[in-house]
Amino acid sequence: VIGHIGRISNADNDMLARTERTSDYAGSTHIGKLGLEQSYETQL
């Protein structure tokens, strides 16, 4: 249910670029990968 976060990968960077959210992750190293960590990543 909870899922987990993980290091931002190249695929994640591509996704952030497509959704114009790269600036929100300046200095960030991790992102939601599974479960609620993933589905509520933006809010968290």
All heavy atoms as atom14 arrays in JSON, in Angstrom:
{
  "sequence": "VIGHIGRISNADNDMLARTERTSDYAGSTHIGKLGLEQSYETQL",
  "atom14_mask": [
    [1, 1, 1, 1, 1, 1, 1, 0, 0, 0, 0, 0, 0, 0],
    [1, 1, 1, 1, 1, 1, 1, 1, 0, 0, 0, 0, 0, 0],
    [1, 1, 1, 1, 0, 0, 0, 0, 0, 0, 0, 0, 0, 0],
    [1, 1, 1, 1, 1, 1, 1, 1, 1, 1, 0, 0, 0, 0],
    [1, 1, 1, 1, 1, 1, 1, 1, 0, 0, 0, 0, 0, 0],
    [1, 1, 1, 1, 0, 0, 0, 0, 0, 0, 0, 0, 0, 0],
    [1, 1, 1, 1, 1, 1, 1, 1, 1, 1, 1, 0, 0, 0],
    [1, 1, 1, 1, 1, 1, 1, 1, 0, 0, 0, 0, 0, 0],
    [1, 1, 1, 1, 1, 1, 0, 0, 0, 0, 0, 0, 0, 0],
    [1, 1, 1, 1, 1, 1, 1, 1, 0, 0, 0, 0, 0, 0],
    [1, 1, 1, 1, 1, 0, 0, 0, 0, 0, 0, 0, 0, 0],
    [1, 1, 1, 1, 1, 1, 1, 1, 0, 0, 0, 0, 0, 0],
    [1, 1, 1, 1, 1, 1, 1, 1, 0, 0, 0, 0, 0, 0],
    [1, 1, 1, 1, 1, 1, 1, 1, 0, 0, 0, 0, 0, 0],
    [1, 1, 1, 1, 1, 1, 1, 1, 0, 0, 0, 0, 0, 0],
    [1, 1, 1, 1, 1, 1, 1, 1, 0, 0, 0, 0, 0, 0],
    [1, 1, 1, 1, 1, 0, 0, 0, 0, 0, 0, 0, 0, 0],
    [1, 1, 1, 1, 1, 1, 1, 1, 1, 1, 1, 0, 0, 0],
    [1, 1, 1, 1, 1, 1, 1, 0, 0, 0, 0, 0, 0, 0],
    [1, 1, 1, 1, 1, 1, 1, 1, 1, 0, 0, 0, 0, 0],
    [1, 1, 1, 1, 1, 1, 1, 1, 1, 1, 1, 0, 0, 0],
    [1, 1, 1, 1, 1, 1, 1, 0, 0, 0, 0, 0, 0, 0],
    [1, 1, 1, 1, 1, 1, 0, 0, 0, 0, 0, 0, 0, 0],
    [1, 1, 1, 1, 1, 1, 1, 1, 0, 0, 0, 0, 0, 0],
    [1, 1, 1, 1, 1, 1, 1, 1, 1, 1, 1, 1, 0, 0],
    [1, 1, 1, 1, 1, 0, 0, 0, 0, 0, 0, 0, 0, 0],
    [1, 1, 1, 1, 0, 0, 0, 0, 0, 0, 0, 0, 0, 0],
    [1, 1, 1, 1, 1, 1, 0, 0, 0, 0, 0, 0, 0, 0],
    [1, 1, 1, 1, 1, 1, 1, 0, 0, 0, 0, 0, 0, 0],
    [1, 1, 1, 1, 1, 1, 1, 1, 1, 1, 0, 0, 0, 0],
    [1, 1, 1, 1, 1, 1, 1, 1, 0, 0, 0, 0, 0, 0],
    [1, 1, 1, 1, 0, 0, 0, 0, 0, 0, 0, 0, 0, 0],
    [1, 1, 1, 1, 1, 1, 1, 1, 1, 0, 0, 0, 0, 0],
    [1, 1, 1, 1, 1, 1, 1, 1, 0, 0, 0, 0, 0, 0],
    [1, 1, 1, 1, 0, 0, 0, 0, 0, 0, 0, 0, 0, 0],
    [1, 1, 1, 1, 1, 1, 1, 1, 0, 0, 0, 0, 0, 0],
    [1, 1, 1, 1, 1, 1, 1, 1, 1, 0, 0, 0, 0, 0],
    [1, 1, 1, 1, 1, 1, 1, 1, 1, 0, 0, 0, 0, 0],
    [1, 1, 1, 1, 1, 1, 0, 0, 0, 0, 0, 0, 0, 0],
    [1, 1, 1, 1, 1, 1, 1, 1, 1, 1, 1, 1, 0, 0],
    [1, 1, 1, 1, 1, 1, 1, 1, 1, 0, 0, 0, 0, 0],
    [1, 1, 1, 1, 1, 1, 1, 0, 0, 0, 0, 0, 0, 0],
    [1, 1, 1, 1, 1, 1, 1, 1, 1, 0, 0, 0, 0, 0],
    [1, 1, 1, 1, 1, 1, 1, 1, 0, 0, 0, 0, 0, 0]
  ],
  "atom14_positions": [
    [[0.84, -1.2, 0.0], [0.0, 0.0, 0.0], [0.88, 1.25, 0.0], [0.73, 2.14, -0.84], [-0.92, 0.03, 1.23], [-1.66, 1.35, 1.32], [-1.91, -1.12, 1.18], [0.0, 0.0, 0.0], [0.0, 0.0, 0.0], [0.0, 0.0, 0.0], [0.0, 0.0, 0.0], [0.0, 0.0, 0.0], [0.0, 0.0, 0.0], [0.0, 0.0, 0.0]],
    [[1.78, 1.33, 0.96], [2.61, 2.52, 1.11], [3.58, 2.67, -0.05], [3.81, 3.77, -0.54], [3.37, 2.46, 2.46], [2.37, 2.44, 3.61], [4.33, 3.63, 2.59], [2.98, 2.1, 4.95], [0.0, 0.0, 0.0], [0.0, 0.0, 0.0], [0.0, 0.0, 0.0], [0.0, 0.0, 0.0], [0.0, 0.0, 0.0], [0.0, 0.0, 0.0]],
    [[4.14, 1.57, -0.51], [5.12, 1.62, -1.58], [6.46, 2.1, -1.06], [6.79, 1.93, 0.12], [0.0, 0.0, 0.0], [0.0, 0.0, 0.0], [0.0, 0.0, 0.0], [0.0, 0.0, 0.0], [0.0, 0.0, 0.0], [0.0, 0.0, 0.0], [0.0, 0.0, 0.0], [0.0, 0.0, 0.0], [0.0, 0.0, 0.0], [0.0, 0.0, 0.0]],
    [[7.24, 2.74, -1.9], [8.53, 3.26, -1.47], [9.02, 4.3, -2.45], [8.52, 4.42, -3.58], [9.56, 2.13, -1.35], [9.81, 1.39, -2.64], [10.62, 1.89, -3.65], [9.36, 0.19, -3.1], [10.66, 1.03, -4.65], [9.89, -0.01, -4.35], [0.0, 0.0, 0.0], [0.0, 0.0, 0.0], [0.0, 0.0, 0.0], [0.0, 0.0, 0.0]],
    [[10.01, 5.09, -2.01], [10.68, 6.01, -2.92], [11.98, 5.36, -3.39], [12.41, 4.34, -2.85], [10.98, 7.37, -2.24], [11.94, 7.18, -1.06], [9.7, 8.03, -1.8], [12.46, 8.49, -0.48], [0.0, 0.0, 0.0], [0.0, 0.0, 0.0], [0.0, 0.0, 0.0], [0.0, 0.0, 0.0], [0.0, 0.0, 0.0], [0.0, 0.0, 0.0]],
    [[12.6, 5.95, -4.39], [13.87, 5.46, -4.89], [14.6, 6.58, -5.6], [14.05, 7.67, -5.83], [0.0, 0.0, 0.0], [0.0, 0.0, 0.0], [0.0, 0.0, 0.0], [0.0, 0.0, 0.0], [0.0, 0.0, 0.0], [0.0, 0.0, 0.0], [0.0, 0.0, 0.0], [0.0, 0.0, 0.0], [0.0, 0.0, 0.0], [0.0, 0.0, 0.0]],
    [[15.85, 6.35, -5.92], [16.64, 7.37, -6.6], [16.03, 7.73, -7.95], [15.51, 6.86, -8.67], [18.07, 6.87, -6.81], [18.87, 6.75, -5.52], [20.23, 6.15, -5.82], [20.99, 5.97, -4.59], [22.1, 5.24, -4.5], [22.54, 4.62, -5.57], [22.73, 5.14, -3.36], [0.0, 0.0, 0.0], [0.0, 0.0, 0.0], [0.0, 0.0, 0.0]],
    [[16.1, 8.99, -8.27], [15.57, 9.47, -9.55], [16.43, 8.91, -10.68], [17.65, 9.1, -10.7], [15.56, 11.01, -9.6], [14.6, 11.55, -8.53], [15.17, 11.52, -10.97], [14.6, 13.07, -8.41], [0.0, 0.0, 0.0], [0.0, 0.0, 0.0], [0.0, 0.0, 0.0], [0.0, 0.0, 0.0], [0.0, 0.0, 0.0], [0.0, 0.0, 0.0]],
    [[15.8, 8.21, -11.59], [16.49, 7.59, -12.72], [16.39, 8.47, -13.96], [15.68, 9.48, -13.97], [15.88, 6.22, -13.01], [14.54, 6.37, -13.46], [0.0, 0.0, 0.0], [0.0, 0.0, 0.0], [0.0, 0.0, 0.0], [0.0, 0.0, 0.0], [0.0, 0.0, 0.0], [0.0, 0.0, 0.0], [0.0, 0.0, 0.0], [0.0, 0.0, 0.0]],
    [[17.08, 8.05, -15.02], [16.96, 8.78, -16.29], [15.52, 8.77, -16.8], [15.05, 9.76, -17.36], [17.9, 8.17, -17.33], [19.36, 8.48, -17.02], [19.65, 9.44, -16.31], [20.26, 7.67, -17.54], [0.0, 0.0, 0.0], [0.0, 0.0, 0.0], [0.0, 0.0, 0.0], [0.0, 0.0, 0.0], [0.0, 0.0, 0.0], [0.0, 0.0, 0.0]],
    [[14.85, 7.64, -16.61], [13.44, 7.56, -17.03], [12.58, 8.54, -16.24], [11.67, 9.17, -16.79], [12.93, 6.13, -16.85], [0.0, 0.0, 0.0], [0.0, 0.0, 0.0], [0.0, 0.0, 0.0], [0.0, 0.0, 0.0], [0.0, 0.0, 0.0], [0.0, 0.0, 0.0], [0.0, 0.0, 0.0], [0.0, 0.0, 0.0], [0.0, 0.0, 0.0]],
    [[12.87, 8.67, -14.93], [12.14, 9.64, -14.12], [12.41, 11.06, -14.6], [11.49, 11.89, -14.68], [12.54, 9.51, -12.65], [12.11, 8.2, -12.02], [11.02, 7.72, -12.37], [12.87, 7.66, -11.19], [0.0, 0.0, 0.0], [0.0, 0.0, 0.0], [0.0, 0.0, 0.0], [0.0, 0.0, 0.0], [0.0, 0.0, 0.0], [0.0, 0.0, 0.0]],
    [[13.66, 11.35, -14.92], [13.99, 12.68, -15.44], [13.25, 12.98, -16.73], [12.79, 14.1, -16.95], [15.5, 12.79, -15.65], [16.25, 13.04, -14.35], [15.76, 13.74, -13.47], [17.45, 12.47, -14.24], [0.0, 0.0, 0.0], [0.0, 0.0, 0.0], [0.0, 0.0, 0.0], [0.0, 0.0, 0.0], [0.0, 0.0, 0.0], [0.0, 0.0, 0.0]],
    [[13.14, 11.97, -17.59], [12.39, 12.16, -18.84], [10.93, 12.46, -18.55], [10.32, 13.33, -19.2], [12.51, 10.91, -19.72], [13.93, 10.7, -20.25], [14.72, 11.67, -20.24], [14.24, 9.56, -20.66], [0.0, 0.0, 0.0], [0.0, 0.0, 0.0], [0.0, 0.0, 0.0], [0.0, 0.0, 0.0], [0.0, 0.0, 0.0], [0.0, 0.0, 0.0]],
    [[10.36, 11.74, -17.58], [8.96, 11.96, -17.2], [8.77, 13.36, -16.63], [7.81, 14.06, -16.96], [8.52, 10.91, -16.19], [7.08, 11.03, -15.7], [6.89, 12.17, -14.27], [7.82, 11.26, -13.02], [0.0, 0.0, 0.0], [0.0, 0.0, 0.0], [0.0, 0.0, 0.0], [0.0, 0.0, 0.0], [0.0, 0.0, 0.0], [0.0, 0.0, 0.0]],
    [[9.69, 13.81, -15.8], [9.6, 15.15, -15.21], [9.71, 16.22, -16.28], [9.02, 17.25, -16.22], [10.69, 15.33, -14.16], [10.56, 14.49, -12.88], [11.79, 14.64, -12.0], [9.31, 14.86, -12.11], [0.0, 0.0, 0.0], [0.0, 0.0, 0.0], [0.0, 0.0, 0.0], [0.0, 0.0, 0.0], [0.0, 0.0, 0.0], [0.0, 0.0, 0.0]],
    [[10.56, 15.97, -17.29], [10.69, 16.93, -18.38], [9.41, 17.01, -19.2], [8.96, 18.1, -19.57], [11.88, 16.56, -19.26], [0.0, 0.0, 0.0], [0.0, 0.0, 0.0], [0.0, 0.0, 0.0], [0.0, 0.0, 0.0], [0.0, 0.0, 0.0], [0.0, 0.0, 0.0], [0.0, 0.0, 0.0], [0.0, 0.0, 0.0], [0.0, 0.0, 0.0]],
    [[8.8, 15.83, -19.46], [7.56, 15.81, -20.25], [6.43, 16.53, -19.54], [5.59, 17.17, -20.17], [7.14, 14.36, -20.54], [8.0, 13.65, -21.57], [7.29, 12.37, -22.05], [6.89, 11.52, -20.95], [7.65, 10.56, -20.42], [8.88, 10.36, -20.91], [7.21, 9.81, -19.44], [0.0, 0.0, 0.0], [0.0, 0.0, 0.0], [0.0, 0.0, 0.0]],
    [[6.4, 16.42, -18.23], [5.32, 17.03, -17.44], [5.69, 18.41, -16.91], [4.96, 18.97, -16.1], [4.93, 16.11, -16.27], [6.09, 15.83, -15.47], [4.34, 14.8, -16.77], [0.0, 0.0, 0.0], [0.0, 0.0, 0.0], [0.0, 0.0, 0.0], [0.0, 0.0, 0.0], [0.0, 0.0, 0.0], [0.0, 0.0, 0.0], [0.0, 0.0, 0.0]],
    [[6.85, 18.93, -17.36], [7.33, 20.27, -16.99], [7.41, 20.44, -15.47], [7.0, 21.46, -14.9], [6.41, 21.34, -17.6], [6.37, 21.31, -19.13], [5.47, 22.39, -19.72], [4.72, 23.02, -18.94], [5.55, 22.61, -20.93], [0.0, 0.0, 0.0], [0.0, 0.0, 0.0], [0.0, 0.0, 0.0], [0.0, 0.0, 0.0], [0.0, 0.0, 0.0]],
    [[7.96, 19.42, -14.81], [8.11, 19.46, -13.35], [9.56, 19.37, -12.92], [9.86, 19.19, -11.73], [7.31, 18.32, -12.72], [5.8, 18.43, -12.91], [5.1, 17.11, -12.66], [5.39, 16.56, -11.35], [5.31, 15.26, -11.06], [4.97, 14.39, -11.99], [5.57, 14.83, -9.85], [0.0, 0.0, 0.0], [0.0, 0.0, 0.0], [0.0, 0.0, 0.0]],
    [[10.5, 19.46, -13.87], [11.91, 19.31, -13.54], [12.35, 20.3, -12.47], [13.11, 19.96, -11.55], [12.78, 19.47, -14.8], [12.39, 18.47, -15.75], [14.25, 19.31, -14.47], [0.0, 0.0, 0.0], [0.0, 0.0, 0.0], [0.0, 0.0, 0.0], [0.0, 0.0, 0.0], [0.0, 0.0, 0.0], [0.0, 0.0, 0.0], [0.0, 0.0, 0.0]],
    [[11.88, 21.54, -12.56], [12.32, 22.57, -11.61], [11.91, 22.24, -10.18], [12.59, 22.64, -9.22], [11.75, 23.94, -12.01], [10.32, 23.91, -12.0], [0.0, 0.0, 0.0], [0.0, 0.0, 0.0], [0.0, 0.0, 0.0], [0.0, 0.0, 0.0], [0.0, 0.0, 0.0], [0.0, 0.0, 0.0], [0.0, 0.0, 0.0], [0.0, 0.0, 0.0]],
    [[10.8, 21.52, -10.02], [10.36, 21.15, -8.68], [11.28, 20.13, -8.02], [11.18, 19.9, -6.81], [8.93, 20.57, -8.72], [7.89, 21.63, -9.04], [8.16, 22.81, -8.77], [6.83, 21.27, -9.58], [0.0, 0.0, 0.0], [0.0, 0.0, 0.0], [0.0, 0.0, 0.0], [0.0, 0.0, 0.0], [0.0, 0.0, 0.0], [0.0, 0.0, 0.0]],
    [[12.16, 19.52, -8.81], [13.04, 18.48, -8.28], [14.5, 18.92, -8.27], [15.39, 18.09, -8.16], [12.86, 17.17, -9.08], [11.57, 16.47, -8.74], [10.36, 16.91, -9.26], [11.55, 15.41, -7.84], [9.16, 16.29, -8.92], [10.36, 14.79, -7.49], [9.17, 15.23, -8.03], [7.99, 14.63, -7.68], [0.0, 0.0, 0.0], [0.0, 0.0, 0.0]],
    [[14.73, 20.23, -8.42], [16.09, 20.75, -8.32], [16.65, 20.42, -6.94], [16.08, 20.79, -5.92], [16.1, 22.25, -8.56], [0.0, 0.0, 0.0], [0.0, 0.0, 0.0], [0.0, 0.0, 0.0], [0.0, 0.0, 0.0], [0.0, 0.0, 0.0], [0.0, 0.0, 0.0], [0.0, 0.0, 0.0], [0.0, 0.0, 0.0], [0.0, 0.0, 0.0]],
    [[17.76, 19.72, -6.93], [18.35, 19.32, -5.66], [17.76, 18.06, -5.07], [18.27, 17.54, -4.07], [0.0, 0.0, 0.0], [0.0, 0.0, 0.0], [0.0, 0.0, 0.0], [0.0, 0.0, 0.0], [0.0, 0.0, 0.0], [0.0, 0.0, 0.0], [0.0, 0.0, 0.0], [0.0, 0.0, 0.0], [0.0, 0.0, 0.0], [0.0, 0.0, 0.0]],
    [[16.67, 17.54, -5.63], [16.06, 16.3, -5.12], [16.8, 15.09, -5.68], [17.32, 15.11, -6.79], [14.59, 16.22, -5.53], [13.84, 17.27, -4.96], [0.0, 0.0, 0.0], [0.0, 0.0, 0.0], [0.0, 0.0, 0.0], [0.0, 0.0, 0.0], [0.0, 0.0, 0.0], [0.0, 0.0, 0.0], [0.0, 0.0, 0.0], [0.0, 0.0, 0.0]],
    [[16.84, 14.06, -4.9], [17.51, 12.83, -5.32], [16.56, 11.65, -5.44], [16.9, 10.64, -6.06], [18.61, 12.46, -4.31], [18.01, 12.3, -3.0], [19.68, 13.53, -4.25], [0.0, 0.0, 0.0], [0.0, 0.0, 0.0], [0.0, 0.0, 0.0], [0.0, 0.0, 0.0], [0.0, 0.0, 0.0], [0.0, 0.0, 0.0], [0.0, 0.0, 0.0]],
    [[15.34, 11.75, -4.84], [14.43, 10.61, -4.79], [13.03, 10.99, -5.26], [12.64, 12.16, -5.23], [14.35, 10.05, -3.36], [15.59, 9.32, -2.93], [16.81, 9.95, -2.8], [15.8, 8.01, -2.61], [17.71, 9.07, -2.41], [17.13, 7.89, -2.29], [0.0, 0.0, 0.0], [0.0, 0.0, 0.0], [0.0, 0.0, 0.0], [0.0, 0.0, 0.0]],
    [[12.29, 9.95, -5.66], [10.93, 10.14, -6.16], [10.12, 8.89, -5.84], [10.68, 7.8, -5.66], [10.95, 10.4, -7.68], [9.61, 10.97, -8.18], [11.32, 9.14, -8.46], [9.66, 11.48, -9.61], [0.0, 0.0, 0.0], [0.0, 0.0, 0.0], [0.0, 0.0, 0.0], [0.0, 0.0, 0.0], [0.0, 0.0, 0.0], [0.0, 0.0, 0.0]],
    [[8.8, 9.03, -5.73], [7.93, 7.88, -5.44], [7.97, 6.85, -6.55], [7.82, 7.2, -7.73], [0.0, 0.0, 0.0], [0.0, 0.0, 0.0], [0.0, 0.0, 0.0], [0.0, 0.0, 0.0], [0.0, 0.0, 0.0], [0.0, 0.0, 0.0], [0.0, 0.0, 0.0], [0.0, 0.0, 0.0], [0.0, 0.0, 0.0], [0.0, 0.0, 0.0]],
    [[8.16, 5.59, -6.19], [8.3, 4.53, -7.18], [7.15, 3.53, -7.17], [6.93, 2.81, -8.15], [9.61, 3.75, -6.94], [10.87, 4.58, -7.07], [11.25, 4.79, -8.52], [12.62, 5.41, -8.64], [13.05, 5.56, -10.04], [0.0, 0.0, 0.0], [0.0, 0.0, 0.0], [0.0, 0.0, 0.0], [0.0, 0.0, 0.0], [0.0, 0.0, 0.0]],
    [[6.44, 3.42, -6.07], [5.43, 2.36, -5.93], [4.38, 2.79, -4.92], [4.65, 3.6, -4.04], [6.12, 1.06, -5.46], [5.34, -0.25, -5.56], [5.26, -0.69, -7.02], [6.04, -1.35, -4.75], [0.0, 0.0, 0.0], [0.0, 0.0, 0.0], [0.0, 0.0, 0.0], [0.0, 0.0, 0.0], [0.0, 0.0, 0.0], [0.0, 0.0, 0.0]],
    [[3.17, 2.25, -5.04], [2.13, 2.45, -4.06], [1.72, 3.91, -3.92], [1.78, 4.7, -4.86], [0.0, 0.0, 0.0], [0.0, 0.0, 0.0], [0.0, 0.0, 0.0], [0.0, 0.0, 0.0], [0.0, 0.0, 0.0], [0.0, 0.0, 0.0], [0.0, 0.0, 0.0], [0.0, 0.0, 0.0], [0.0, 0.0, 0.0], [0.0, 0.0, 0.0]],
    [[1.31, 4.28, -2.69], [0.88, 5.65, -2.44], [2.03, 6.64, -2.61], [1.8, 7.81, -2.93], [0.31, 5.77, -1.03], [-1.01, 5.01, -0.78], [-1.37, 5.06, 0.7], [-2.14, 5.59, -1.62], [0.0, 0.0, 0.0], [0.0, 0.0, 0.0], [0.0, 0.0, 0.0], [0.0, 0.0, 0.0], [0.0, 0.0, 0.0], [0.0, 0.0, 0.0]],
    [[3.25, 6.19, -2.38], [4.4, 7.05, -2.63], [4.42, 7.53, -4.09], [4.82, 8.66, -4.37], [5.71, 6.32, -2.31], [5.97, 6.1, -0.84], [6.62, 7.3, -0.17], [6.44, 8.42, -0.65], [7.31, 7.09, 0.85], [0.0, 0.0, 0.0], [0.0, 0.0, 0.0], [0.0, 0.0, 0.0], [0.0, 0.0, 0.0], [0.0, 0.0, 0.0]],
    [[3.97, 6.66, -4.99], [3.95, 7.02, -6.4], [2.68, 7.81, -6.75], [2.76, 8.86, -7.39], [4.03, 5.76, -7.27], [4.01, 6.05, -8.76], [4.05, 4.78, -9.6], [4.24, 3.67, -9.09], [3.87, 4.91, -10.9], [0.0, 0.0, 0.0], [0.0, 0.0, 0.0], [0.0, 0.0, 0.0], [0.0, 0.0, 0.0], [0.0, 0.0, 0.0]],
    [[1.51, 7.31, -6.33], [0.27, 7.95, -6.77], [0.06, 9.32, -6.13], [-0.63, 10.17, -6.69], [-0.93, 7.03, -6.49], [-1.01, 6.68, -5.13], [0.0, 0.0, 0.0], [0.0, 0.0, 0.0], [0.0, 0.0, 0.0], [0.0, 0.0, 0.0], [0.0, 0.0, 0.0], [0.0, 0.0, 0.0], [0.0, 0.0, 0.0], [0.0, 0.0, 0.0]],
    [[0.66, 9.56, -4.95], [0.54, 10.87, -4.29], [1.88, 11.6, -4.25], [2.1, 12.45, -3.4], [-0.03, 10.7, -2.88], [-1.52, 10.43, -2.87], [-2.0, 9.13, -3.0], [-2.44, 11.46, -2.76], [-3.37, 8.87, -3.03], [-3.81, 11.21, -2.78], [-4.27, 9.91, -2.91], [-5.62, 9.66, -2.92], [0.0, 0.0, 0.0], [0.0, 0.0, 0.0]],
    [[2.76, 11.29, -5.19], [4.08, 11.91, -5.24], [4.0, 13.43, -5.3], [4.72, 14.15, -4.6], [4.86, 11.37, -6.44], [6.1, 12.15, -6.83], [7.2, 12.12, -5.78], [7.23, 11.16, -4.97], [8.02, 13.04, -5.77], [0.0, 0.0, 0.0], [0.0, 0.0, 0.0], [0.0, 0.0, 0.0], [0.0, 0.0, 0.0], [0.0, 0.0, 0.0]],
    [[3.13, 13.96, -6.16], [3.03, 15.41, -6.32], [2.64, 16.1, -5.02], [3.23, 17.12, -4.63], [2.0, 15.76, -7.41], [2.39, 15.14, -8.64], [1.89, 17.25, -7.61], [0.0, 0.0, 0.0], [0.0, 0.0, 0.0], [0.0, 0.0, 0.0], [0.0, 0.0, 0.0], [0.0, 0.0, 0.0], [0.0, 0.0, 0.0], [0.0, 0.0, 0.0]],
    [[1.67, 15.55, -4.32], [1.21, 16.16, -3.07], [2.26, 16.01, -1.96], [2.44, 16.91, -1.13], [-0.1, 15.52, -2.61], [-1.28, 15.8, -3.54], [-1.4, 14.77, -4.65], [-0.43, 14.09, -4.99], [-2.6, 14.66, -5.22], [0.0, 0.0, 0.0], [0.0, 0.0, 0.0], [0.0, 0.0, 0.0], [0.0, 0.0, 0.0], [0.0, 0.0, 0.0]],
    [[2.94, 14.87, -1.92], [3.92, 14.62, -0.87], [5.21, 15.42, -1.09], [5.89, 15.79, -0.13], [4.27, 13.13, -0.82], [3.17, 12.19, -0.31], [3.51, 10.74, -0.63], [2.98, 12.36, 1.2], [0.0, 0.0, 0.0], [0.0, 0.0, 0.0], [0.0, 0.0, 0.0], [0.0, 0.0, 0.0], [0.0, 0.0, 0.0], [0.0, 0.0, 0.0]]
  ]
}
